[in-house]
Amino acid sequence: MSQMIMKQIFFFFALFCMLLTASCKRSSTIQELPFAQDSVGNQVLVITHSDSSFAQADFYIHTPVGWQLDRSADAFVGKMGVGKMREGDARTPLGYLGILSAFGILPNPGTHIPYIDVTPTMVGVDCEGEYYNQIVDTAIVKVAVTGENMHALAPEYHYGLTTTYNQACEPGLGSCVFIHCKGNKSYTGGCVALDEAFMKHILQVCDTTLTVYIQ
């Protein structure tokens, strides 16, 4: 085989690889998301329920050329699936959720979202009263409350996000629906659980315009 033919083969192979790479990059960018655009900010975490407590998490960031798929992975939702209606039903709510704050047992990883350092005296309140559906520090709030001892829930609460679910704090509607890290169970009590590296990445690149869409 002549040297010229070898050069031509090499050229066309290199061109093919370049086109394939470009195609792969384009495939991760879409112009529109498959739901209402005016309900999301510049970042959106899409949770697609599949079966039981299993789901797919797709994290998109809006760019000048469209929505860029930044990262995808499997996720866990409530033990009973989705469609939350009340406290304790072990379901994750459907639809749009906004973000209020970030939190974590581990130090702030550099997020632009207001960060709550979880201490041993912090509780995610699930009992009726003035602190229902809030994170309170029982060392400061001198009122008897019940709920999750957040500091004891590691690695689930190494990093997390509070959401706007039941922002009016209506008793019985459901409390402390968070986006947080996975633990040793393949389900949650009604939150969304992601791999810790995924959760940390979201905190590092997002701000409070992040929207969560659960379908």
C-alpha atoms as a PDB file:
ATOM      1  CA  MET A   1       0.000   0.000   0.000  1.00  0.00           C
ATOM      2  CA  SER A   2       1.471   3.369  -1.023  1.00  0.00           C
ATOM      3  CA  GLN A   3       2.301   6.094   1.465  1.00  0.00           C
ATOM      4  CA  MET A   4      -0.242   8.428  -0.178  1.00  0.00           C
ATOM      5  CA  ILE A   5      -3.078   5.923   0.259  1.00  0.00           C
ATOM      6  CA  MET A   6      -2.053   5.425   3.890  1.00  0.00           C
ATOM      7  CA  LYS A   7      -2.212   9.197   4.432  1.00  0.00           C
ATOM      8  CA  GLN A   8      -5.675   9.349   2.841  1.00  0.00           C
ATOM      9  CA  ILE A   9      -6.946   6.518   5.027  1.00  0.00           C
ATOM     10  CA  PHE A  10      -5.552   8.248   8.111  1.00  0.00           C
ATOM     11  CA  PHE A  11      -7.141  11.571   7.073  1.00  0.00           C
ATOM     12  CA  PHE A  12     -10.606  10.094   6.583  1.00  0.00           C
ATOM     13  CA  PHE A  13     -10.349   8.142   9.850  1.00  0.00           C
ATOM     14  CA  ALA A  14      -9.426  11.309  11.746  1.00  0.00           C
ATOM     15  CA  LEU A  15     -12.274  13.189  10.059  1.00  0.00           C
ATOM     16  CA  PHE A  16     -14.706  10.422  11.026  1.00  0.00           C
ATOM     17  CA  CYS A  17     -13.586  10.608  14.659  1.00  0.00           C
ATOM     18  CA  MET A  18     -14.023  14.397  14.709  1.00  0.00           C
ATOM     19  CA  LEU A  19     -17.528  14.160  13.276  1.00  0.00           C
ATOM     20  CA  LEU A  20     -18.457  11.423  15.739  1.00  0.00           C
ATOM     21  CA  THR A  21     -17.207  13.497  18.675  1.00  0.00           C
ATOM     22  CA  ALA A  22     -19.104  16.568  17.477  1.00  0.00           C
ATOM     23  CA  SER A  23     -22.250  14.486  17.062  1.00  0.00           C
ATOM     24  CA  CYS A  24     -21.956  13.168  20.627  1.00  0.00           C
ATOM     25  CA  LYS A  25     -21.547  16.692  21.974  1.00  0.00           C
ATOM     26  CA  ARG A  26     -24.557  17.949  20.029  1.00  0.00           C
ATOM     27  CA  SER A  27     -26.688  15.079  21.268  1.00  0.00           C
ATOM     28  CA  SER A  28     -26.287  16.298  24.855  1.00  0.00           C
ATOM     29  CA  THR A  29     -27.700  19.733  23.982  1.00  0.00           C
ATOM     30  CA  ILE A  30     -31.409  20.300  23.412  1.00  0.00           C
ATOM     31  CA  GLN A  31     -33.246  23.495  22.576  1.00  0.00           C
ATOM     32  CA  GLU A  32     -36.254  22.882  24.794  1.00  0.00           C
ATOM     33  CA  LEU A  33     -37.092  20.708  27.742  1.00  0.00           C
ATOM     34  CA  PRO A  34     -40.169  18.455  27.482  1.00  0.00           C
ATOM     35  CA  PHE A  35     -42.175  20.548  29.948  1.00  0.00           C
ATOM     36  CA  ALA A  36     -43.070  24.184  30.619  1.00  0.00           C
ATOM     37  CA  GLN A  37     -40.024  26.399  30.146  1.00  0.00           C
ATOM     38  CA  ASP A  38     -41.420  29.322  32.128  1.00  0.00           C
ATOM     39  CA  SER A  39     -41.523  27.185  35.281  1.00  0.00           C
ATOM     40  CA  VAL A  40     -37.768  26.615  35.532  1.00  0.00           C
ATOM     41  CA  GLY A  41     -34.655  28.690  36.113  1.00  0.00           C
ATOM     42  CA  ASN A  42     -31.251  28.346  34.497  1.00  0.00           C
ATOM     43  CA  GLN A  43     -30.624  24.937  36.043  1.00  0.00           C
ATOM     44  CA  VAL A  44     -33.064  22.065  36.363  1.00  0.00           C
ATOM     45  CA  LEU A  45     -32.809  18.667  37.982  1.00  0.00           C
ATOM     46  CA  VAL A  46     -35.282  16.310  36.295  1.00  0.00           C
ATOM     47  CA  ILE A  47     -36.290  13.233  38.295  1.00  0.00           C
ATOM     48  CA  THR A  48     -38.100  10.644  36.198  1.00  0.00           C
ATOM     49  CA  HIS A  49     -39.763   7.913  38.237  1.00  0.00           C
ATOM     50  CA  SER A  50     -39.451   4.474  36.671  1.00  0.00           C
ATOM     51  CA  ASP A  51     -40.697   1.821  39.078  1.00  0.00           C
ATOM     52  CA  SER A  52     -41.073   1.338  42.816  1.00  0.00           C
ATOM     53  CA  SER A  53     -38.530   3.674  44.461  1.00  0.00           C
ATOM     54  CA  PHE A  54     -36.222   3.893  41.446  1.00  0.00           C
ATOM     55  CA  ALA A  55     -35.787   6.926  39.207  1.00  0.00           C
ATOM     56  CA  GLN A  56     -33.479   8.625  36.731  1.00  0.00           C
ATOM     57  CA  ALA A  57     -31.854  11.974  37.541  1.00  0.00           C
ATOM     58  CA  ASP A  58     -30.907  14.307  34.663  1.00  0.00           C
ATOM     59  CA  PHE A  59     -29.245  17.622  35.489  1.00  0.00           C
ATOM     60  CA  TYR A  60     -29.497  20.347  32.819  1.00  0.00           C
ATOM     61  CA  ILE A  61     -27.881  23.771  32.632  1.00  0.00           C
ATOM     62  CA  HIS A  62     -29.127  26.459  30.252  1.00  0.00           C
ATOM     63  CA  THR A  63     -26.496  27.787  27.827  1.00  0.00           C
ATOM     64  CA  PRO A  64     -26.621  30.231  24.872  1.00  0.00           C
ATOM     65  CA  VAL A  65     -27.178  27.272  22.517  1.00  0.00           C
ATOM     66  CA  GLY A  66     -29.833  25.491  24.569  1.00  0.00           C
ATOM     67  CA  TRP A  67     -30.155  23.149  27.510  1.00  0.00           C
ATOM     68  CA  GLN A  68     -26.947  21.209  28.141  1.00  0.00           C
ATOM     69  CA  LEU A  69     -27.240  17.824  29.839  1.00  0.00           C
ATOM     70  CA  ASP A  70     -24.557  18.143  32.488  1.00  0.00           C
ATOM     71  CA  ARG A  71     -24.887  14.829  34.316  1.00  0.00           C
ATOM     72  CA  SER A  72     -27.168  11.786  34.579  1.00  0.00           C
ATOM     73  CA  ALA A  73     -27.411   8.976  37.127  1.00  0.00           C
ATOM     74  CA  ASP A  74     -29.907   6.767  38.853  1.00  0.00           C
ATOM     75  CA  ALA A  75     -31.761   8.112  41.887  1.00  0.00           C
ATOM     76  CA  PHE A  76     -34.061   6.930  44.665  1.00  0.00           C
ATOM     77  CA  VAL A  77     -37.468   8.348  45.591  1.00  0.00           C
ATOM     78  CA  GLY A  78     -40.010   7.420  48.258  1.00  0.00           C
ATOM     79  CA  LYS A  79     -40.486   3.811  49.264  1.00  0.00           C
ATOM     80  CA  MET A  80     -44.052   3.941  47.894  1.00  0.00           C
ATOM     81  CA  GLY A  81     -43.082   5.835  44.749  1.00  0.00           C
ATOM     82  CA  VAL A  82     -44.377   9.290  43.804  1.00  0.00           C
ATOM     83  CA  GLY A  83     -47.545  11.359  44.238  1.00  0.00           C
ATOM     84  CA  LYS A  84     -47.201  12.643  47.797  1.00  0.00           C
ATOM     85  CA  MET A  85     -50.488  13.572  49.502  1.00  0.00           C
ATOM     86  CA  ARG A  86     -49.813  13.595  53.239  1.00  0.00           C
ATOM     87  CA  GLU A  87     -47.281  13.240  56.045  1.00  0.00           C
ATOM     88  CA  GLY A  88     -45.837   9.758  56.339  1.00  0.00           C
ATOM     89  CA  ASP A  89     -47.125   8.318  53.047  1.00  0.00           C
ATOM     90  CA  ALA A  90     -43.529   7.534  51.943  1.00  0.00           C
ATOM     91  CA  ARG A  91     -44.122   9.158  48.551  1.00  0.00           C
ATOM     92  CA  THR A  92     -42.168  11.843  46.736  1.00  0.00           C
ATOM     93  CA  PRO A  93     -44.169  14.818  45.412  1.00  0.00           C
ATOM     94  CA  LEU A  94     -44.715  15.277  41.680  1.00  0.00           C
ATOM     95  CA  GLY A  95     -44.213  18.477  39.695  1.00  0.00           C
ATOM     96  CA  TYR A  96     -42.067  21.560  40.220  1.00  0.00           C
ATOM     97  CA  LEU A  97     -40.105  22.313  43.377  1.00  0.00           C
ATOM     98  CA  GLY A  98     -37.957  25.337  44.045  1.00  0.00           C
ATOM     99  CA  ILE A  99     -34.865  25.476  46.255  1.00  0.00           C
ATOM    100  CA  LEU A 100     -34.663  27.417  49.510  1.00  0.00           C
ATOM    101  CA  SER A 101     -31.294  26.504  51.014  1.00  0.00           C
ATOM    102  CA  ALA A 102     -28.489  23.970  51.073  1.00  0.00           C
ATOM    103  CA  PHE A 103     -27.343  22.062  54.126  1.00  0.00           C
ATOM    104  CA  GLY A 104     -24.837  19.477  55.192  1.00  0.00           C
ATOM    105  CA  ILE A 105     -23.062  17.600  57.934  1.00  0.00           C
ATOM    106  CA  LEU A 106     -19.909  18.117  55.870  1.00  0.00           C
ATOM    107  CA  PRO A 107     -18.454  21.609  55.335  1.00  0.00           C
ATOM    108  CA  ASN A 108     -19.852  23.897  52.647  1.00  0.00           C
ATOM    109  CA  PRO A 109     -18.379  22.620  49.338  1.00  0.00           C
ATOM    110  CA  GLY A 110     -18.458  26.109  47.811  1.00  0.00           C
ATOM    111  CA  THR A 111     -22.102  26.591  46.913  1.00  0.00           C
ATOM    112  CA  HIS A 112     -23.768  29.897  46.014  1.00  0.00           C
ATOM    113  CA  ILE A 113     -26.896  28.708  47.839  1.00  0.00           C
ATOM    114  CA  PRO A 114     -27.264  29.765  51.510  1.00  0.00           C
ATOM    115  CA  TYR A 115     -25.710  26.875  53.451  1.00  0.00           C
ATOM    116  CA  ILE A 116     -26.835  25.448  56.799  1.00  0.00           C
ATOM    117  CA  ASP A 117     -24.140  23.625  58.764  1.00  0.00           C
ATOM    118  CA  VAL A 118     -25.933  20.668  60.336  1.00  0.00           C
ATOM    119  CA  THR A 119     -25.031  20.360  64.031  1.00  0.00           C
ATOM    120  CA  PRO A 120     -25.936  17.580  66.504  1.00  0.00           C
ATOM    121  CA  THR A 121     -28.867  19.604  67.856  1.00  0.00           C
ATOM    122  CA  MET A 122     -30.656  20.194  64.545  1.00  0.00           C
ATOM    123  CA  VAL A 123     -34.021  18.586  63.819  1.00  0.00           C
ATOM    124  CA  GLY A 124     -36.160  18.422  60.680  1.00  0.00           C
ATOM    125  CA  VAL A 125     -39.527  18.953  62.348  1.00  0.00           C
ATOM    126  CA  ASP A 126     -42.477  16.726  61.438  1.00  0.00           C
ATOM    127  CA  CYS A 127     -44.770  17.406  64.412  1.00  0.00           C
ATOM    128  CA  GLU A 128     -47.625  19.909  64.255  1.00  0.00           C
ATOM    129  CA  GLY A 129     -46.866  23.341  65.626  1.00  0.00           C
ATOM    130  CA  GLU A 130     -45.158  26.569  64.690  1.00  0.00           C
ATOM    131  CA  TYR A 131     -41.995  24.798  63.474  1.00  0.00           C
ATOM    132  CA  TYR A 132     -43.646  22.159  61.296  1.00  0.00           C
ATOM    133  CA  ASN A 133     -41.710  21.526  58.065  1.00  0.00           C
ATOM    134  CA  GLN A 134     -38.696  23.530  59.221  1.00  0.00           C
ATOM    135  CA  ILE A 135     -35.123  22.817  60.280  1.00  0.00           C
ATOM    136  CA  VAL A 136     -34.611  24.037  63.822  1.00  0.00           C
ATOM    137  CA  ASP A 137     -31.687  24.048  66.216  1.00  0.00           C
ATOM    138  CA  THR A 138     -33.086  22.716  69.478  1.00  0.00           C
ATOM    139  CA  ALA A 139     -30.189  24.335  71.341  1.00  0.00           C
ATOM    140  CA  ILE A 140     -31.647  27.696  70.331  1.00  0.00           C
ATOM    141  CA  VAL A 141     -35.370  27.003  70.010  1.00  0.00           C
ATOM    142  CA  LYS A 142     -36.482  26.030  73.500  1.00  0.00           C
ATOM    143  CA  VAL A 143     -39.609  24.203  72.369  1.00  0.00           C
ATOM    144  CA  ALA A 144     -40.166  20.461  72.371  1.00  0.00           C
ATOM    145  CA  VAL A 145     -40.230  19.204  68.769  1.00  0.00           C
ATOM    146  CA  THR A 146     -40.018  15.809  67.117  1.00  0.00           C
ATOM    147  CA  GLY A 147     -38.614  14.788  63.770  1.00  0.00           C
ATOM    148  CA  GLU A 148     -35.343  13.737  62.200  1.00  0.00           C
ATOM    149  CA  ASN A 149     -32.116  14.113  64.123  1.00  0.00           C
ATOM    150  CA  MET A 150     -30.338  15.346  60.999  1.00  0.00           C
ATOM    151  CA  HIS A 151     -26.780  15.010  62.260  1.00  0.00           C
ATOM    152  CA  ALA A 152     -27.337  11.289  62.891  1.00  0.00           C
ATOM    153  CA  LEU A 153     -28.359  10.685  59.276  1.00  0.00           C
ATOM    154  CA  ALA A 154     -25.004  10.201  57.627  1.00  0.00           C
ATOM    155  CA  PRO A 155     -24.190   9.828  54.796  1.00  0.00           C
ATOM    156  CA  GLU A 156     -27.707  10.862  53.671  1.00  0.00           C
ATOM    157  CA  TYR A 157     -27.295  14.394  55.008  1.00  0.00           C
ATOM    158  CA  HIS A 158     -23.646  14.887  54.129  1.00  0.00           C
ATOM    159  CA  TYR A 159     -25.098  17.314  51.565  1.00  0.00           C
ATOM    160  CA  GLY A 160     -28.651  18.327  50.791  1.00  0.00           C
ATOM    161  CA  LEU A 161     -31.126  20.905  49.553  1.00  0.00           C
ATOM    162  CA  THR A 162     -34.351  22.086  51.136  1.00  0.00           C
ATOM    163  CA  THR A 163     -37.274  22.514  48.747  1.00  0.00           C
ATOM    164  CA  THR A 164     -40.428  24.586  48.485  1.00  0.00           C
ATOM    165  CA  TYR A 165     -42.718  21.592  49.019  1.00  0.00           C
ATOM    166  CA  ASN A 166     -45.483  22.667  51.448  1.00  0.00           C
ATOM    167  CA  GLN A 167     -43.868  26.076  51.832  1.00  0.00           C
ATOM    168  CA  ALA A 168     -46.960  27.252  53.703  1.00  0.00           C
ATOM    169  CA  CYS A 169     -46.145  24.567  56.322  1.00  0.00           C
ATOM    170  CA  GLU A 170     -49.692  23.226  56.342  1.00  0.00           C
ATOM    171  CA  PRO A 171     -49.844  20.535  59.062  1.00  0.00           C
ATOM    172  CA  GLY A 172     -50.250  17.008  57.757  1.00  0.00           C
ATOM    173  CA  LEU A 173     -49.456  17.839  54.129  1.00  0.00           C
ATOM    174  CA  GLY A 174     -45.883  16.593  54.423  1.00  0.00           C
ATOM    175  CA  SER A 175     -42.594  17.885  55.756  1.00  0.00           C
ATOM    176  CA  CYS A 176     -38.863  18.007  55.073  1.00  0.00           C
ATOM    177  CA  VAL A 177     -38.901  16.933  51.429  1.00  0.00           C
ATOM    178  CA  PHE A 178     -35.219  17.257  50.622  1.00  0.00           C
ATOM    179  CA  ILE A 179     -32.807  16.428  47.834  1.00  0.00           C
ATOM    180  CA  HIS A 180     -29.956  14.615  49.570  1.00  0.00           C
ATOM    181  CA  CYS A 181     -27.286  11.925  49.312  1.00  0.00           C
ATOM    182  CA  LYS A 182     -27.971   8.218  49.101  1.00  0.00           C
ATOM    183  CA  GLY A 183     -27.628   6.032  52.164  1.00  0.00           C
ATOM    184  CA  ASN A 184     -27.700   2.268  52.538  1.00  0.00           C
ATOM    185  CA  LYS A 185     -31.341   1.934  51.472  1.00  0.00           C
ATOM    186  CA  SER A 186     -32.683   1.909  47.922  1.00  0.00           C
ATOM    187  CA  TYR A 187     -35.545   4.261  48.848  1.00  0.00           C
ATOM    188  CA  THR A 188     -36.344   7.377  50.885  1.00  0.00           C
ATOM    189  CA  GLY A 189     -39.171   8.494  53.131  1.00  0.00           C
ATOM    190  CA  GLY A 190     -40.337  10.910  50.420  1.00  0.00           C
ATOM    191  CA  CYS A 191     -37.182  12.787  49.433  1.00  0.00           C
ATOM    192  CA  VAL A 192     -34.961  12.356  46.378  1.00  0.00           C
ATOM    193  CA  ALA A 193     -31.583  10.677  46.953  1.00  0.00           C
ATOM    194  CA  LEU A 194     -28.572  11.060  44.657  1.00  0.00           C
ATOM    195  CA  ASP A 195     -25.017   9.767  44.674  1.00  0.00           C
ATOM    196  CA  GLU A 196     -22.929  11.952  46.986  1.00  0.00           C
ATOM    197  CA  ALA A 197     -20.583  13.103  44.204  1.00  0.00           C
ATOM    198  CA  PHE A 198     -23.613  14.130  42.123  1.00  0.00           C
ATOM    199  CA  MET A 199     -25.155  15.982  45.060  1.00  0.00           C
ATOM    200  CA  LYS A 200     -21.916  17.828  45.784  1.00  0.00           C
ATOM    201  CA  HIS A 201     -21.537  18.772  42.113  1.00  0.00           C
ATOM    202  CA  ILE A 202     -25.035  20.269  42.015  1.00  0.00           C
ATOM    203  CA  LEU A 203     -24.275  22.382  45.078  1.00  0.00           C
ATOM    204  CA  GLN A 204     -21.049  23.640  43.532  1.00  0.00           C
ATOM    205  CA  VAL A 205     -22.547  24.769  40.217  1.00  0.00           C
ATOM    206  CA  CYS A 206     -26.050  25.899  41.192  1.00  0.00           C
ATOM    207  CA  ASP A 207     -27.754  28.851  42.794  1.00  0.00           C
ATOM    208  CA  THR A 208     -31.281  29.390  44.107  1.00  0.00           C
ATOM    209  CA  THR A 209     -32.710  29.514  40.566  1.00  0.00           C
ATOM    210  CA  LEU A 210     -32.334  25.715  40.472  1.00  0.00           C
ATOM    211  CA  THR A 211     -35.638  23.985  39.802  1.00  0.00           C
ATOM    212  CA  VAL A 212     -36.439  20.353  40.541  1.00  0.00           C
ATOM    213  CA  TYR A 213     -38.991  18.702  38.277  1.00  0.00           C
ATOM    214  CA  ILE A 214     -40.327  15.303  39.333  1.00  0.00           C
ATOM    215  CA  GLN A 215     -42.332  13.269  36.869  1.00  0.00           C
END
